[in-house]
N, C-alpha and C. Protein backbone atom coordinates (compact mmCIF):
# COMPACT_ATOMS: atom_id res chain seq x y z
N MET A 1 93.15 -76.65 -90.83
CA MET A 1 93.23 -77.76 -89.91
C MET A 1 92.53 -77.44 -88.58
N ILE A 2 92.74 -76.25 -88.08
CA ILE A 2 92.14 -75.88 -86.81
C ILE A 2 90.63 -75.70 -86.96
N ILE A 3 90.19 -75.24 -88.11
CA ILE A 3 88.75 -75.07 -88.34
C ILE A 3 88.08 -76.44 -88.43
N GLY A 4 88.75 -77.40 -89.06
CA GLY A 4 88.22 -78.76 -89.12
C GLY A 4 88.11 -79.38 -87.74
N THR A 5 89.10 -79.12 -86.89
CA THR A 5 89.05 -79.62 -85.52
C THR A 5 87.89 -78.99 -84.76
N PHE A 6 87.71 -77.67 -84.94
CA PHE A 6 86.59 -77.00 -84.29
C PHE A 6 85.26 -77.58 -84.76
N ILE A 7 85.10 -77.78 -86.06
CA ILE A 7 83.83 -78.30 -86.59
C ILE A 7 83.57 -79.70 -86.06
N PHE A 8 84.62 -80.54 -85.99
CA PHE A 8 84.46 -81.89 -85.46
C PHE A 8 83.95 -81.85 -84.02
N TYR A 9 84.61 -81.08 -83.16
CA TYR A 9 84.20 -81.02 -81.76
C TYR A 9 82.86 -80.31 -81.60
N PHE A 10 82.58 -79.32 -82.43
CA PHE A 10 81.29 -78.63 -82.37
C PHE A 10 80.16 -79.60 -82.66
N VAL A 11 80.29 -80.39 -83.71
CA VAL A 11 79.26 -81.39 -84.05
C VAL A 11 79.17 -82.44 -82.96
N LEU A 12 80.30 -82.86 -82.42
CA LEU A 12 80.31 -83.86 -81.36
C LEU A 12 79.56 -83.35 -80.13
N PHE A 13 79.82 -82.11 -79.73
CA PHE A 13 79.15 -81.55 -78.56
C PHE A 13 77.68 -81.25 -78.84
N ILE A 14 77.31 -80.93 -80.07
CA ILE A 14 75.89 -80.76 -80.38
C ILE A 14 75.15 -82.08 -80.20
N VAL A 15 75.78 -83.18 -80.63
CA VAL A 15 75.16 -84.49 -80.45
C VAL A 15 75.04 -84.81 -78.96
N VAL A 16 76.07 -84.49 -78.19
CA VAL A 16 76.05 -84.78 -76.76
C VAL A 16 74.98 -83.96 -76.05
N PHE A 17 74.83 -82.69 -76.43
CA PHE A 17 73.88 -81.82 -75.75
C PHE A 17 72.51 -81.78 -76.43
N SER A 18 72.24 -82.64 -77.39
CA SER A 18 70.97 -82.55 -78.12
C SER A 18 69.77 -82.98 -77.29
N ILE A 19 69.92 -83.94 -76.42
CA ILE A 19 68.77 -84.41 -75.63
C ILE A 19 68.29 -83.34 -74.66
N PRO A 20 69.16 -82.68 -73.86
CA PRO A 20 68.64 -81.61 -73.00
C PRO A 20 68.11 -80.43 -73.80
N GLY A 21 68.60 -80.18 -75.00
CA GLY A 21 68.11 -79.08 -75.82
C GLY A 21 66.70 -79.31 -76.32
N GLN A 22 66.34 -80.54 -76.58
CA GLN A 22 65.00 -80.86 -77.04
C GLN A 22 63.97 -80.75 -75.92
N ARG A 23 64.43 -80.92 -74.70
CA ARG A 23 63.50 -80.90 -73.57
C ARG A 23 62.93 -79.51 -73.32
N ASN A 24 63.71 -78.46 -73.59
CA ASN A 24 63.27 -77.09 -73.32
C ASN A 24 62.97 -76.34 -74.62
N SER A 25 62.39 -76.99 -75.59
CA SER A 25 62.21 -76.36 -76.90
C SER A 25 61.14 -75.27 -76.88
N GLY A 26 60.40 -75.09 -75.80
CA GLY A 26 59.37 -74.07 -75.74
C GLY A 26 59.90 -72.66 -75.51
N LYS A 27 61.11 -72.52 -75.01
CA LYS A 27 61.66 -71.21 -74.73
C LYS A 27 62.27 -70.61 -75.99
N SER A 28 62.35 -69.28 -76.04
CA SER A 28 62.81 -68.61 -77.25
C SER A 28 64.32 -68.63 -77.41
N ASN A 29 65.07 -68.59 -76.32
CA ASN A 29 66.51 -68.54 -76.44
C ASN A 29 67.17 -69.90 -76.27
N THR A 30 66.42 -70.97 -76.34
CA THR A 30 66.97 -72.31 -76.18
C THR A 30 67.90 -72.66 -77.33
N SER A 31 67.56 -72.26 -78.55
CA SER A 31 68.43 -72.58 -79.68
C SER A 31 69.76 -71.86 -79.57
N PHE A 32 69.76 -70.65 -79.03
CA PHE A 32 71.02 -69.93 -78.83
C PHE A 32 71.89 -70.66 -77.82
N LYS A 33 71.29 -71.07 -76.70
CA LYS A 33 72.04 -71.82 -75.69
C LYS A 33 72.48 -73.17 -76.24
N PHE A 34 71.64 -73.77 -77.06
CA PHE A 34 71.93 -75.07 -77.64
C PHE A 34 73.15 -75.00 -78.56
N LEU A 35 73.36 -73.87 -79.22
CA LEU A 35 74.52 -73.71 -80.10
C LEU A 35 75.69 -73.03 -79.42
N ALA A 36 75.44 -72.21 -78.41
CA ALA A 36 76.53 -71.46 -77.77
C ALA A 36 77.40 -72.36 -76.90
N ILE A 37 76.80 -73.25 -76.15
CA ILE A 37 77.58 -74.10 -75.26
C ILE A 37 78.49 -75.05 -76.05
N PRO A 38 77.99 -75.77 -77.07
CA PRO A 38 78.92 -76.59 -77.86
C PRO A 38 79.97 -75.76 -78.60
N ALA A 39 79.63 -74.54 -78.99
CA ALA A 39 80.62 -73.70 -79.67
C ALA A 39 81.75 -73.33 -78.71
N LEU A 40 81.41 -73.00 -77.47
CA LEU A 40 82.45 -72.68 -76.49
C LEU A 40 83.33 -73.89 -76.19
N PHE A 41 82.71 -75.05 -76.03
CA PHE A 41 83.50 -76.26 -75.80
C PHE A 41 84.35 -76.60 -77.02
N GLY A 42 83.80 -76.40 -78.22
CA GLY A 42 84.55 -76.65 -79.45
C GLY A 42 85.75 -75.74 -79.58
N VAL A 43 85.59 -74.47 -79.23
CA VAL A 43 86.72 -73.53 -79.26
C VAL A 43 87.78 -73.95 -78.25
N GLY A 44 87.34 -74.36 -77.08
CA GLY A 44 88.29 -74.82 -76.06
C GLY A 44 89.08 -76.03 -76.51
N MET A 45 88.40 -76.99 -77.10
CA MET A 45 89.08 -78.19 -77.58
C MET A 45 89.98 -77.89 -78.77
N ALA A 46 89.56 -76.99 -79.65
CA ALA A 46 90.41 -76.60 -80.78
C ALA A 46 91.66 -75.88 -80.27
N PHE A 47 91.51 -75.05 -79.25
CA PHE A 47 92.67 -74.38 -78.67
C PHE A 47 93.62 -75.39 -78.04
N LEU A 48 93.05 -76.39 -77.35
CA LEU A 48 93.90 -77.43 -76.76
C LEU A 48 94.62 -78.24 -77.83
N SER A 49 93.99 -78.44 -78.98
CA SER A 49 94.68 -79.17 -80.05
C SER A 49 95.73 -78.29 -80.72
N LEU A 50 95.54 -76.99 -80.64
CA LEU A 50 96.53 -76.06 -81.20
C LEU A 50 97.83 -76.12 -80.42
N ILE A 51 97.75 -76.29 -79.11
CA ILE A 51 98.97 -76.35 -78.31
C ILE A 51 99.45 -77.78 -78.10
N LYS A 52 98.95 -78.70 -78.89
CA LYS A 52 99.41 -80.10 -78.93
C LYS A 52 99.29 -80.81 -77.59
N VAL A 53 98.11 -80.74 -77.01
CA VAL A 53 97.81 -81.49 -75.79
C VAL A 53 97.24 -82.83 -76.23
N TYR A 54 97.67 -83.89 -75.58
CA TYR A 54 97.20 -85.22 -75.95
C TYR A 54 95.71 -85.38 -75.65
N PHE A 55 95.06 -86.31 -76.35
CA PHE A 55 93.62 -86.52 -76.25
C PHE A 55 93.20 -86.87 -74.83
N VAL A 56 94.00 -87.67 -74.14
CA VAL A 56 93.67 -88.08 -72.77
C VAL A 56 93.63 -86.86 -71.86
N TYR A 57 94.57 -85.95 -72.04
CA TYR A 57 94.59 -84.75 -71.21
C TYR A 57 93.44 -83.82 -71.55
N LYS A 58 92.99 -83.85 -72.80
CA LYS A 58 91.80 -83.07 -73.16
C LYS A 58 90.58 -83.60 -72.42
N LEU A 59 90.45 -84.92 -72.38
CA LEU A 59 89.33 -85.50 -71.66
C LEU A 59 89.42 -85.20 -70.17
N LEU A 60 90.62 -85.27 -69.62
CA LEU A 60 90.78 -84.93 -68.20
C LEU A 60 90.45 -83.47 -67.95
N ALA A 61 90.80 -82.59 -68.87
CA ALA A 61 90.45 -81.17 -68.73
C ALA A 61 88.95 -80.99 -68.76
N LEU A 62 88.26 -81.71 -69.66
CA LEU A 62 86.80 -81.63 -69.71
C LEU A 62 86.16 -82.16 -68.43
N VAL A 63 86.69 -83.25 -67.90
CA VAL A 63 86.16 -83.80 -66.65
C VAL A 63 86.37 -82.80 -65.52
N PHE A 64 87.54 -82.16 -65.48
CA PHE A 64 87.83 -81.16 -64.45
C PHE A 64 86.86 -79.99 -64.55
N VAL A 65 86.61 -79.50 -65.77
CA VAL A 65 85.69 -78.39 -65.96
C VAL A 65 84.27 -78.82 -65.58
N PHE A 66 83.87 -80.04 -65.95
CA PHE A 66 82.54 -80.54 -65.61
C PHE A 66 82.36 -80.66 -64.10
N VAL A 67 83.34 -81.22 -63.41
CA VAL A 67 83.24 -81.39 -61.96
C VAL A 67 83.23 -80.03 -61.26
N THR A 68 84.06 -79.11 -61.74
CA THR A 68 84.06 -77.77 -61.16
C THR A 68 82.72 -77.08 -61.38
N GLY A 69 82.16 -77.21 -62.57
CA GLY A 69 80.85 -76.63 -62.85
C GLY A 69 79.76 -77.27 -62.01
N LEU A 70 79.82 -78.58 -61.85
CA LEU A 70 78.84 -79.28 -61.03
C LEU A 70 78.91 -78.84 -59.57
N LEU A 71 80.11 -78.74 -59.03
CA LEU A 71 80.25 -78.29 -57.65
C LEU A 71 79.83 -76.83 -57.49
N SER A 72 80.11 -76.01 -58.49
CA SER A 72 79.66 -74.62 -58.43
C SER A 72 78.15 -74.54 -58.46
N TYR A 73 77.53 -75.36 -59.31
CA TYR A 73 76.07 -75.37 -59.37
C TYR A 73 75.48 -75.89 -58.07
N TRP A 74 76.13 -76.84 -57.47
CA TRP A 74 75.66 -77.38 -56.20
C TRP A 74 75.72 -76.31 -55.11
N GLN A 75 76.78 -75.51 -55.13
CA GLN A 75 76.95 -74.48 -54.11
C GLN A 75 76.07 -73.26 -54.36
N TRP A 76 76.05 -72.78 -55.62
CA TRP A 76 75.35 -71.53 -55.95
C TRP A 76 74.26 -71.76 -56.98
N GLY A 77 73.53 -72.84 -56.88
CA GLY A 77 72.53 -73.20 -57.88
C GLY A 77 71.42 -72.18 -58.03
N LYS A 78 70.95 -71.64 -56.94
CA LYS A 78 69.85 -70.68 -57.01
C LYS A 78 70.27 -69.41 -57.74
N GLN A 79 71.47 -68.91 -57.46
CA GLN A 79 71.95 -67.71 -58.13
C GLN A 79 72.21 -67.97 -59.62
N ILE A 80 72.73 -69.15 -59.95
CA ILE A 80 73.01 -69.49 -61.34
C ILE A 80 71.71 -69.60 -62.13
N ARG A 81 70.69 -70.23 -61.53
CA ARG A 81 69.41 -70.35 -62.23
C ARG A 81 68.76 -68.99 -62.44
N SER A 82 68.86 -68.10 -61.47
CA SER A 82 68.27 -66.77 -61.65
C SER A 82 69.05 -65.97 -62.68
N TRP A 83 70.35 -66.19 -62.79
CA TRP A 83 71.16 -65.49 -63.81
C TRP A 83 70.89 -66.04 -65.19
N TRP A 84 70.68 -67.35 -65.29
CA TRP A 84 70.50 -67.99 -66.60
C TRP A 84 69.13 -67.67 -67.20
N ASN A 85 68.10 -67.45 -66.39
CA ASN A 85 66.76 -67.18 -66.91
C ASN A 85 66.53 -65.77 -67.18
């Protein structure tokens, strides 16, 4: 059951992140990043389903993580870009 939940969210996040992944297809490690980020989000969502968190709270958790990441990128964008490349 938990593996099915992971696969569902993994495929869902691959679809969500597919457009930015196609834009940088010239780099060698783009496919790794393209699969690693949805896998991490899928594991997080599968863990949240394991502890019986409602779907609405899962979405709120994702929004919180997204906003925190966005604000972190806004504050330390130059350092994050140099670390990512």
